[in-house]
């Protein structure tokens, strides 16, 4: 089952360019971080050779606890106008009407991370591309998860082509196009 996870860390720019729609913050996500405790290795029972002194241990100042390696990846991005209880898109669509107020992008991830950042950059691409909203979410997960981003326009959306670009830890990993028409 997919669920939203991670703590919310919003960094948002909502100043639309002239002629582009206004936007708002994403729908709140319910954090559901989980952790996995791995067994610690058994100490070595091999004695040090006689006549030698063992080398001193080196430390980095960080905890020596074992944790899953960061191997998070985006598996899909779904666009729609409504979400279900798990914050996943309940009805996928690529075409919206100007009066549709909310547009969502659900980003499905898999893998393990203590701290990754997903970013959604929304742009109006009719003519010259004009970004109008950017939102970031910090996530922590040990399995499949869904993070949902939302933009809304209290006025009518301008007709034309749009896209949302999803980046993971600063690297673009997905881009989805959609259209608004009357």
N, C-alpha and C. Protein backbone atom coordinates (compact mmCIF):
# COMPACT_ATOMS: atom_id res chain seq x y z
N UNK A 1 0.85 -1.17 0.00
CA UNK A 1 0.00 0.00 0.00
C UNK A 1 0.89 1.23 0.00
N UNK A 2 0.62 2.19 -0.82
CA UNK A 2 1.40 3.41 -0.89
C UNK A 2 0.87 4.39 0.13
N UNK A 3 1.77 5.13 0.73
CA UNK A 3 1.35 6.15 1.68
C UNK A 3 2.33 7.30 1.63
N UNK A 4 1.85 8.45 2.03
CA UNK A 4 2.73 9.63 2.07
C UNK A 4 3.62 9.50 3.28
N UNK A 5 4.83 9.92 3.12
CA UNK A 5 5.72 9.88 4.27
C UNK A 5 6.73 10.99 4.16
N UNK A 6 7.42 11.21 5.24
CA UNK A 6 8.45 12.23 5.26
C UNK A 6 7.92 13.46 5.95
N UNK A 7 8.86 14.24 6.47
CA UNK A 7 8.42 15.47 7.11
C UNK A 7 8.29 16.55 6.06
N UNK A 8 7.44 17.48 6.32
CA UNK A 8 7.16 18.53 5.35
C UNK A 8 8.21 19.63 5.50
N UNK A 9 8.83 20.00 4.42
CA UNK A 9 9.83 21.06 4.40
C UNK A 9 9.57 21.87 3.15
N UNK A 10 8.66 22.83 3.24
CA UNK A 10 8.24 23.54 2.05
C UNK A 10 9.16 24.71 1.74
N UNK A 11 9.50 24.83 0.48
CA UNK A 11 10.17 26.00 -0.05
C UNK A 11 9.39 26.32 -1.30
N UNK A 12 8.66 27.39 -1.28
CA UNK A 12 7.70 27.60 -2.35
C UNK A 12 7.84 28.98 -2.93
N UNK A 13 7.71 29.05 -4.23
CA UNK A 13 7.66 30.31 -4.93
C UNK A 13 6.35 30.34 -5.66
N UNK A 14 5.49 31.27 -5.32
CA UNK A 14 4.17 31.31 -5.93
C UNK A 14 3.89 32.63 -6.61
N UNK A 15 4.86 33.21 -7.24
CA UNK A 15 4.63 34.43 -7.97
C UNK A 15 4.49 34.07 -9.44
N UNK A 16 3.25 34.02 -9.93
CA UNK A 16 3.09 33.63 -11.32
C UNK A 16 3.53 34.73 -12.26
N UNK A 17 4.10 34.34 -13.40
CA UNK A 17 4.47 35.34 -14.39
C UNK A 17 3.20 35.92 -14.99
N UNK A 18 3.30 37.08 -15.64
CA UNK A 18 2.11 37.67 -16.26
C UNK A 18 1.45 36.66 -17.20
N UNK A 19 0.13 36.52 -17.05
CA UNK A 19 -0.62 35.62 -17.93
C UNK A 19 -0.62 34.17 -17.47
N UNK A 20 0.17 33.83 -16.44
CA UNK A 20 0.21 32.45 -15.95
C UNK A 20 -0.65 32.36 -14.71
N UNK A 21 -1.07 31.16 -14.34
CA UNK A 21 -1.97 30.98 -13.20
C UNK A 21 -1.28 31.19 -11.86
N UNK A 22 -2.08 31.51 -10.86
CA UNK A 22 -1.58 31.57 -9.49
C UNK A 22 -1.50 30.16 -8.97
N UNK A 23 -0.72 29.93 -7.92
CA UNK A 23 -0.57 28.57 -7.38
C UNK A 23 -0.61 28.64 -5.88
N UNK A 24 -0.78 27.49 -5.26
CA UNK A 24 -0.78 27.43 -3.81
C UNK A 24 0.06 26.27 -3.34
N UNK A 25 0.17 26.16 -2.04
CA UNK A 25 0.98 25.12 -1.41
C UNK A 25 0.39 23.75 -1.67
N UNK A 26 1.21 22.69 -1.55
CA UNK A 26 0.71 21.33 -1.75
C UNK A 26 -0.22 20.92 -0.62
N UNK A 27 -1.03 19.92 -0.90
CA UNK A 27 -1.89 19.36 0.13
C UNK A 27 -1.01 18.79 1.23
N UNK A 28 -1.38 18.99 2.49
CA UNK A 28 -0.54 18.48 3.57
C UNK A 28 -0.43 16.96 3.50
N UNK A 29 0.77 16.50 3.75
CA UNK A 29 1.01 15.05 3.76
C UNK A 29 1.18 14.61 5.20
N UNK A 30 0.67 13.47 5.53
CA UNK A 30 0.79 12.93 6.88
C UNK A 30 2.10 12.16 6.97
N UNK A 31 3.02 12.63 7.84
CA UNK A 31 4.29 11.91 7.95
C UNK A 31 4.07 10.51 8.50
N UNK A 32 4.77 9.55 7.93
CA UNK A 32 4.69 8.19 8.43
C UNK A 32 6.05 7.53 8.30
N UNK A 33 7.10 8.17 8.89
CA UNK A 33 8.41 7.56 8.75
C UNK A 33 8.49 6.25 9.52
N UNK A 34 9.23 5.35 8.99
CA UNK A 34 9.46 4.08 9.68
C UNK A 34 10.95 3.86 9.74
N UNK A 35 11.37 2.98 10.62
CA UNK A 35 12.80 2.70 10.71
C UNK A 35 12.99 1.19 10.76
N UNK A 36 14.14 0.79 10.35
CA UNK A 36 14.49 -0.62 10.35
C UNK A 36 15.76 -0.77 11.17
N UNK A 37 15.76 -1.69 12.12
CA UNK A 37 16.94 -1.95 12.91
C UNK A 37 17.58 -3.22 12.38
N UNK A 38 18.82 -3.09 11.97
CA UNK A 38 19.56 -4.24 11.45
C UNK A 38 20.39 -4.84 12.57
N UNK A 39 20.62 -6.13 12.55
CA UNK A 39 21.44 -6.75 13.62
C UNK A 39 22.87 -6.26 13.53
N UNK A 40 23.50 -6.10 14.70
CA UNK A 40 24.90 -5.70 14.71
C UNK A 40 25.76 -6.95 14.55
N UNK A 41 26.86 -6.82 13.82
CA UNK A 41 27.71 -7.99 13.60
C UNK A 41 28.33 -8.47 14.91
N UNK A 42 28.56 -9.77 14.99
CA UNK A 42 29.19 -10.34 16.18
C UNK A 42 30.65 -9.92 16.22
N UNK A 43 31.19 -9.67 17.42
CA UNK A 43 32.59 -9.26 17.50
C UNK A 43 33.50 -10.40 17.05
N UNK A 44 34.64 -10.04 16.52
CA UNK A 44 35.61 -11.02 16.04
C UNK A 44 36.21 -11.75 17.23
N UNK A 45 36.40 -13.06 17.09
CA UNK A 45 37.00 -13.83 18.18
C UNK A 45 38.44 -14.22 17.84
N UNK A 46 38.97 -13.69 16.74
CA UNK A 46 40.35 -13.99 16.37
C UNK A 46 41.28 -13.14 17.22
N UNK A 47 42.18 -13.78 18.00
CA UNK A 47 43.08 -12.98 18.84
C UNK A 47 44.14 -12.28 17.99
N UNK A 48 44.65 -11.15 18.51
CA UNK A 48 45.72 -10.43 17.83
C UNK A 48 46.99 -11.27 17.91
N UNK A 49 47.81 -11.24 16.86
CA UNK A 49 49.06 -12.01 16.90
C UNK A 49 49.92 -11.55 18.07
N UNK A 50 50.67 -12.49 18.63
CA UNK A 50 51.53 -12.19 19.77
C UNK A 50 52.65 -11.25 19.32
N UNK A 51 52.94 -10.27 20.18
CA UNK A 51 54.04 -9.35 19.91
C UNK A 51 53.64 -8.15 19.07
N UNK A 52 52.39 -8.01 18.70
CA UNK A 52 51.98 -6.82 17.95
C UNK A 52 50.92 -6.09 18.72
N UNK A 53 50.85 -4.81 18.51
CA UNK A 53 49.85 -3.99 19.16
C UNK A 53 48.77 -3.67 18.13
N UNK A 54 47.52 -3.87 18.49
CA UNK A 54 46.47 -3.56 17.52
C UNK A 54 46.46 -2.06 17.19
N UNK A 55 46.13 -1.73 15.97
CA UNK A 55 46.05 -0.33 15.54
C UNK A 55 44.88 0.34 16.25
N UNK A 56 45.03 1.62 16.59
CA UNK A 56 43.93 2.31 17.26
C UNK A 56 42.74 2.44 16.31
N UNK A 57 41.55 2.39 16.87
CA UNK A 57 40.34 2.55 16.07
C UNK A 57 40.19 4.00 15.67
N UNK A 58 39.67 4.24 14.49
CA UNK A 58 39.41 5.61 14.05
C UNK A 58 37.92 5.82 14.06
N UNK A 59 37.51 7.03 14.40
CA UNK A 59 36.09 7.36 14.42
C UNK A 59 35.87 8.63 13.62
N UNK A 60 34.65 8.77 13.13
CA UNK A 60 34.30 9.95 12.35
C UNK A 60 33.47 10.93 13.15
N UNK A 61 33.14 10.59 14.39
CA UNK A 61 32.30 11.46 15.19
C UNK A 61 30.82 11.21 14.94
N UNK A 62 30.49 10.30 14.04
CA UNK A 62 29.10 9.97 13.75
C UNK A 62 28.76 8.66 14.43
N UNK A 63 27.48 8.44 14.62
CA UNK A 63 27.01 7.21 15.23
C UNK A 63 27.39 6.01 14.37
N UNK A 64 27.71 4.94 15.01
CA UNK A 64 28.11 3.74 14.30
C UNK A 64 26.92 2.82 14.05
N UNK A 65 25.69 3.34 14.21
CA UNK A 65 24.53 2.47 14.00
C UNK A 65 24.39 2.11 12.53
N UNK A 66 23.84 0.93 12.31
CA UNK A 66 23.61 0.48 10.94
C UNK A 66 22.28 1.01 10.46
N UNK A 67 22.20 1.41 9.21
CA UNK A 67 20.95 1.88 8.63
C UNK A 67 20.91 1.48 7.17
N UNK A 68 19.73 1.44 6.59
CA UNK A 68 19.66 1.11 5.17
C UNK A 68 20.34 2.19 4.34
N UNK A 69 20.98 1.78 3.28
CA UNK A 69 21.63 2.74 2.39
C UNK A 69 20.56 3.55 1.67
N UNK A 70 20.88 4.82 1.35
CA UNK A 70 19.97 5.64 0.57
C UNK A 70 19.94 5.10 -0.85
N UNK A 71 18.83 4.52 -1.23
CA UNK A 71 18.67 4.01 -2.59
C UNK A 71 17.28 4.34 -3.10
N UNK A 72 16.82 5.54 -2.79
CA UNK A 72 15.48 5.98 -3.16
C UNK A 72 15.43 6.31 -4.66
N UNK A 73 14.30 5.94 -5.30
CA UNK A 73 14.12 6.32 -6.70
C UNK A 73 12.65 6.57 -6.97
N UNK A 74 12.40 7.45 -7.95
CA UNK A 74 11.04 7.76 -8.38
C UNK A 74 10.61 6.68 -9.37
N UNK A 75 9.45 6.08 -9.11
CA UNK A 75 8.96 5.02 -9.99
C UNK A 75 7.87 5.50 -10.93
N UNK A 76 7.10 6.53 -10.54
CA UNK A 76 6.07 7.06 -11.44
C UNK A 76 5.59 8.43 -10.95
N UNK A 77 5.03 9.18 -11.89
CA UNK A 77 4.40 10.47 -11.59
C UNK A 77 3.03 10.43 -12.25
N UNK A 78 1.99 10.73 -11.47
CA UNK A 78 0.63 10.70 -11.97
C UNK A 78 0.00 12.07 -11.78
N UNK A 79 -0.68 12.57 -12.81
CA UNK A 79 -1.34 13.88 -12.76
C UNK A 79 -2.85 13.66 -12.67
N UNK A 80 -3.53 14.50 -11.89
CA UNK A 80 -4.98 14.41 -11.78
C UNK A 80 -5.57 15.59 -11.04
N UNK A 81 -6.91 15.55 -10.85
CA UNK A 81 -7.58 16.67 -10.19
C UNK A 81 -8.13 16.30 -8.81
N UNK A 82 -7.90 15.07 -8.36
CA UNK A 82 -8.37 14.65 -7.04
C UNK A 82 -7.46 13.56 -6.50
N UNK A 83 -7.37 13.49 -5.15
CA UNK A 83 -6.57 12.46 -4.50
C UNK A 83 -7.45 11.65 -3.56
N UNK A 84 -7.01 10.42 -3.27
CA UNK A 84 -7.74 9.56 -2.34
C UNK A 84 -7.15 9.70 -0.94
N UNK A 85 -7.60 8.87 -0.02
CA UNK A 85 -7.16 8.95 1.38
C UNK A 85 -5.66 8.72 1.54
N UNK A 86 -5.04 7.96 0.63
CA UNK A 86 -3.61 7.71 0.72
C UNK A 86 -2.79 8.78 -0.02
N UNK A 87 -3.47 9.84 -0.46
CA UNK A 87 -2.87 10.97 -1.18
C UNK A 87 -2.36 10.60 -2.57
N UNK A 88 -2.83 9.48 -3.11
CA UNK A 88 -2.52 9.11 -4.49
C UNK A 88 -3.63 9.66 -5.38
N UNK A 89 -3.31 9.90 -6.63
CA UNK A 89 -4.30 10.41 -7.59
C UNK A 89 -5.45 9.40 -7.69
N UNK A 90 -6.67 9.87 -7.50
CA UNK A 90 -7.83 8.98 -7.58
C UNK A 90 -8.38 8.89 -9.00
N UNK A 91 -8.09 9.88 -9.82
CA UNK A 91 -8.52 9.84 -11.22
C UNK A 91 -7.45 10.54 -12.06
N UNK A 92 -6.66 9.72 -12.76
CA UNK A 92 -5.59 10.27 -13.59
C UNK A 92 -6.19 11.00 -14.78
N UNK A 93 -5.59 12.14 -15.13
CA UNK A 93 -6.02 12.88 -16.31
C UNK A 93 -4.88 13.76 -16.80
N UNK A 94 -4.92 14.08 -18.09
CA UNK A 94 -3.92 14.93 -18.73
C UNK A 94 -4.53 16.20 -19.30
N UNK A 95 -5.85 16.29 -19.27
CA UNK A 95 -6.55 17.44 -19.82
C UNK A 95 -7.45 18.02 -18.73
N UNK A 96 -7.35 19.33 -18.52
CA UNK A 96 -8.12 20.02 -17.49
C UNK A 96 -8.90 21.15 -18.12
N UNK A 97 -9.94 21.59 -17.43
CA UNK A 97 -10.73 22.74 -17.87
C UNK A 97 -10.24 23.97 -17.13
N UNK A 98 -10.41 25.15 -17.72
CA UNK A 98 -9.96 26.37 -17.03
C UNK A 98 -10.54 26.53 -15.63
N UNK A 99 -11.76 26.05 -15.39
CA UNK A 99 -12.40 26.21 -14.08
C UNK A 99 -11.97 25.15 -13.06
N UNK A 100 -11.20 24.13 -13.46
CA UNK A 100 -10.68 23.16 -12.50
C UNK A 100 -9.71 23.90 -11.58
N UNK A 101 -10.00 23.93 -10.31
CA UNK A 101 -9.18 24.72 -9.38
C UNK A 101 -7.88 24.04 -8.98
N UNK A 102 -7.92 22.72 -8.72
CA UNK A 102 -6.76 22.01 -8.18
C UNK A 102 -6.18 21.05 -9.22
N UNK A 103 -4.85 21.02 -9.29
CA UNK A 103 -4.14 20.04 -10.11
C UNK A 103 -3.09 19.41 -9.20
N UNK A 104 -3.04 18.08 -9.19
CA UNK A 104 -2.14 17.34 -8.32
C UNK A 104 -1.14 16.54 -9.15
N UNK A 105 0.03 16.32 -8.56
CA UNK A 105 1.03 15.39 -9.10
C UNK A 105 1.43 14.47 -7.95
N UNK A 106 1.12 13.18 -8.08
CA UNK A 106 1.53 12.19 -7.09
C UNK A 106 2.81 11.54 -7.58
N UNK A 107 3.82 11.54 -6.70
CA UNK A 107 5.12 10.98 -7.05
C UNK A 107 5.32 9.72 -6.22
N UNK A 108 5.36 8.57 -6.91
CA UNK A 108 5.59 7.29 -6.24
C UNK A 108 7.10 7.03 -6.18
N UNK A 109 7.57 6.64 -5.00
CA UNK A 109 8.99 6.31 -4.83
C UNK A 109 9.09 4.92 -4.21
N UNK A 110 10.26 4.36 -4.35
CA UNK A 110 10.57 3.10 -3.70
C UNK A 110 12.02 3.17 -3.23
N UNK A 111 12.33 2.41 -2.21
CA UNK A 111 13.69 2.41 -1.67
C UNK A 111 13.73 2.92 -0.25
N UNK A 112 14.93 3.17 0.22
CA UNK A 112 15.17 3.58 1.60
C UNK A 112 15.92 4.90 1.63
N UNK A 113 15.51 5.78 2.53
CA UNK A 113 16.23 7.03 2.75
C UNK A 113 15.87 7.60 4.11
N UNK A 114 16.83 8.25 4.72
CA UNK A 114 16.58 9.00 5.95
C UNK A 114 16.21 10.44 5.63
N UNK A 115 16.69 10.93 4.48
CA UNK A 115 16.49 12.33 4.16
C UNK A 115 16.73 12.57 2.67
N UNK A 116 15.66 12.58 1.92
CA UNK A 116 15.74 12.91 0.50
C UNK A 116 14.81 14.10 0.26
N UNK A 117 15.06 14.83 -0.81
CA UNK A 117 14.22 15.97 -1.14
C UNK A 117 13.62 15.79 -2.52
N UNK A 118 12.29 15.81 -2.56
CA UNK A 118 11.56 15.82 -3.82
C UNK A 118 11.14 17.25 -4.10
N UNK A 119 11.21 17.64 -5.36
CA UNK A 119 10.85 19.00 -5.76
C UNK A 119 9.93 18.91 -6.97
N UNK A 120 8.88 19.73 -6.97
CA UNK A 120 7.98 19.84 -8.12
C UNK A 120 8.05 21.27 -8.64
N UNK A 121 8.40 21.40 -9.92
CA UNK A 121 8.43 22.72 -10.57
C UNK A 121 7.34 22.72 -11.64
N UNK A 122 6.33 23.57 -11.46
CA UNK A 122 5.20 23.69 -12.37
C UNK A 122 5.47 24.83 -13.34
N UNK A 123 5.22 24.59 -14.63
CA UNK A 123 5.48 25.61 -15.65
C UNK A 123 4.34 25.66 -16.67
N UNK A 124 4.11 26.88 -17.15
CA UNK A 124 3.21 27.13 -18.28
C UNK A 124 4.13 27.15 -19.49
N UNK A 125 3.93 26.25 -20.45
CA UNK A 125 4.90 26.11 -21.54
C UNK A 125 4.37 26.58 -22.90
N UNK A 126 3.22 27.21 -22.92
CA UNK A 126 2.69 27.75 -24.17
C UNK A 126 3.56 28.95 -24.56
N UNK A 127 4.17 28.89 -25.74
CA UNK A 127 5.10 29.96 -26.13
C UNK A 127 6.40 29.79 -25.39
N UNK A 128 6.78 30.78 -24.59
CA UNK A 128 8.01 30.72 -23.78
C UNK A 128 7.67 30.09 -22.43
N UNK A 129 8.47 29.09 -22.01
CA UNK A 129 8.22 28.40 -20.74
C UNK A 129 8.32 29.38 -19.57
N UNK A 130 7.28 29.36 -18.71
CA UNK A 130 7.22 30.25 -17.55
C UNK A 130 6.92 29.45 -16.28
N UNK A 131 7.93 29.19 -15.44
CA UNK A 131 7.65 28.52 -14.16
C UNK A 131 6.76 29.41 -13.30
N UNK A 132 5.79 28.79 -12.60
CA UNK A 132 4.92 29.59 -11.75
C UNK A 132 4.82 29.06 -10.32
N UNK A 133 5.35 27.89 -10.02
CA UNK A 133 5.35 27.38 -8.66
C UNK A 133 6.43 26.32 -8.50
N UNK A 134 7.11 26.37 -7.37
CA UNK A 134 8.11 25.36 -7.02
C UNK A 134 7.90 24.99 -5.56
N UNK A 135 7.80 23.69 -5.30
CA UNK A 135 7.59 23.22 -3.93
C UNK A 135 8.51 22.03 -3.66
N UNK A 136 9.07 21.98 -2.46
CA UNK A 136 9.94 20.89 -2.05
C UNK A 136 9.35 20.16 -0.85
N UNK A 137 9.59 18.87 -0.79
CA UNK A 137 9.18 18.03 0.34
C UNK A 137 10.36 17.17 0.75
N UNK A 138 10.68 17.15 2.04
CA UNK A 138 11.68 16.22 2.57
C UNK A 138 10.96 14.92 2.90
N UNK A 139 11.57 13.80 2.51
CA UNK A 139 10.94 12.52 2.78
C UNK A 139 11.93 11.58 3.46
N UNK A 140 11.38 10.67 4.24
CA UNK A 140 12.13 9.58 4.88
C UNK A 140 11.25 8.35 4.77
N UNK A 141 11.80 7.26 4.24
CA UNK A 141 10.99 6.07 4.02
C UNK A 141 11.86 4.83 3.98
N UNK A 142 11.25 3.68 4.25
CA UNK A 142 11.94 2.40 4.11
C UNK A 142 11.14 1.49 3.20
N UNK A 143 10.55 2.05 2.19
CA UNK A 143 9.78 1.25 1.25
C UNK A 143 9.00 2.13 0.30
N UNK A 144 7.99 1.58 -0.34
CA UNK A 144 7.18 2.38 -1.26
C UNK A 144 6.48 3.53 -0.54
N UNK A 145 6.39 4.67 -1.22
CA UNK A 145 5.73 5.85 -0.65
C UNK A 145 5.18 6.71 -1.78
N UNK A 146 4.23 7.57 -1.44
CA UNK A 146 3.67 8.53 -2.38
C UNK A 146 3.76 9.91 -1.76
N UNK A 147 4.28 10.87 -2.50
CA UNK A 147 4.32 12.26 -2.09
C UNK A 147 3.51 13.03 -3.13
N UNK A 148 2.57 13.84 -2.66
CA UNK A 148 1.68 14.54 -3.58
C UNK A 148 1.90 16.05 -3.51
N UNK A 149 2.00 16.65 -4.68
CA UNK A 149 2.15 18.10 -4.81
C UNK A 149 0.86 18.65 -5.41
N UNK A 150 0.52 19.88 -5.05
CA UNK A 150 -0.73 20.48 -5.51
C UNK A 150 -0.48 21.93 -5.91
N UNK A 151 -1.11 22.32 -7.03
CA UNK A 151 -1.21 23.74 -7.37
C UNK A 151 -2.69 24.03 -7.55
N UNK A 152 -3.07 25.25 -7.21
CA UNK A 152 -4.45 25.63 -7.41
C UNK A 152 -4.49 27.06 -7.90
N UNK A 153 -5.55 27.37 -8.62
CA UNK A 153 -5.74 28.70 -9.15
C UNK A 153 -7.15 29.14 -8.79
N UNK A 154 -7.30 30.19 -7.98
CA UNK A 154 -8.64 30.65 -7.62
C UNK A 154 -9.39 31.23 -8.82
N UNK A 155 -8.65 31.61 -9.85
CA UNK A 155 -9.24 32.12 -11.09
C UNK A 155 -9.21 31.00 -12.12
N UNK A 156 -9.61 31.30 -13.32
CA UNK A 156 -9.57 30.29 -14.40
C UNK A 156 -8.12 30.11 -14.85
N UNK A 157 -7.74 28.86 -15.10
CA UNK A 157 -6.41 28.58 -15.64
C UNK A 157 -6.35 29.08 -17.08
N UNK A 158 -5.29 29.74 -17.48
CA UNK A 158 -5.13 30.08 -18.90
C UNK A 158 -5.04 28.81 -19.74
N UNK A 159 -5.67 28.81 -20.88
CA UNK A 159 -5.61 27.65 -21.75
C UNK A 159 -4.20 27.52 -22.31
N UNK A 160 -3.76 26.28 -22.50
CA UNK A 160 -2.44 26.04 -23.06
C UNK A 160 -1.81 24.79 -22.50
N UNK A 161 -0.53 24.64 -22.83
CA UNK A 161 0.24 23.48 -22.40
C UNK A 161 1.00 23.82 -21.12
N UNK A 162 1.10 22.80 -20.22
CA UNK A 162 1.78 22.92 -18.94
C UNK A 162 2.66 21.69 -18.74
N UNK A 163 3.53 21.78 -17.73
CA UNK A 163 4.28 20.59 -17.32
C UNK A 163 4.69 20.73 -15.87
N UNK A 164 4.95 19.57 -15.26
CA UNK A 164 5.52 19.53 -13.93
C UNK A 164 6.79 18.69 -14.03
N UNK A 165 7.88 19.25 -13.52
CA UNK A 165 9.17 18.53 -13.47
C UNK A 165 9.43 18.11 -12.04
N UNK A 166 9.78 16.85 -11.86
CA UNK A 166 10.07 16.30 -10.54
C UNK A 166 11.57 16.07 -10.44
N UNK A 167 12.17 16.59 -9.38
CA UNK A 167 13.58 16.32 -9.15
C UNK A 167 13.73 15.64 -7.80
N UNK A 168 14.75 14.80 -7.71
CA UNK A 168 15.08 14.07 -6.49
C UNK A 168 16.49 14.47 -6.11
N UNK A 169 16.63 15.08 -4.94
CA UNK A 169 17.93 15.55 -4.46
C UNK A 169 18.64 16.43 -5.50
N UNK A 170 17.86 17.31 -6.14
CA UNK A 170 18.42 18.29 -7.06
C UNK A 170 18.60 17.81 -8.50
N UNK A 171 18.27 16.56 -8.79
CA UNK A 171 18.44 16.01 -10.14
C UNK A 171 17.06 15.71 -10.73
N UNK A 172 16.76 16.27 -11.92
CA UNK A 172 15.48 16.02 -12.57
C UNK A 172 15.37 14.54 -12.93
N UNK A 173 14.26 13.91 -12.49
CA UNK A 173 14.07 12.48 -12.72
C UNK A 173 12.79 12.17 -13.49
N UNK A 174 11.88 13.15 -13.63
CA UNK A 174 10.64 12.91 -14.36
C UNK A 174 10.04 14.25 -14.79
N UNK A 175 9.29 14.20 -15.87
CA UNK A 175 8.58 15.38 -16.35
C UNK A 175 7.27 14.91 -16.97
N UNK A 176 6.17 15.51 -16.59
CA UNK A 176 4.85 15.14 -17.11
C UNK A 176 4.18 16.36 -17.69
N UNK A 177 3.63 16.22 -18.89
CA UNK A 177 2.92 17.30 -19.56
C UNK A 177 1.41 17.15 -19.35
N UNK A 178 0.70 18.29 -19.36
CA UNK A 178 -0.75 18.29 -19.33
C UNK A 178 -1.23 19.55 -20.04
N UNK A 179 -2.54 19.62 -20.29
CA UNK A 179 -3.10 20.72 -21.07
C UNK A 179 -4.34 21.25 -20.38
N UNK A 180 -4.58 22.55 -20.53
CA UNK A 180 -5.82 23.16 -20.09
C UNK A 180 -6.50 23.69 -21.34
N UNK A 181 -7.75 23.24 -21.54
CA UNK A 181 -8.51 23.73 -22.71
C UNK A 181 -9.99 23.83 -22.35
N UNK A 182 -10.67 24.71 -23.06
CA UNK A 182 -12.09 24.97 -22.78
C UNK A 182 -13.01 23.96 -23.39
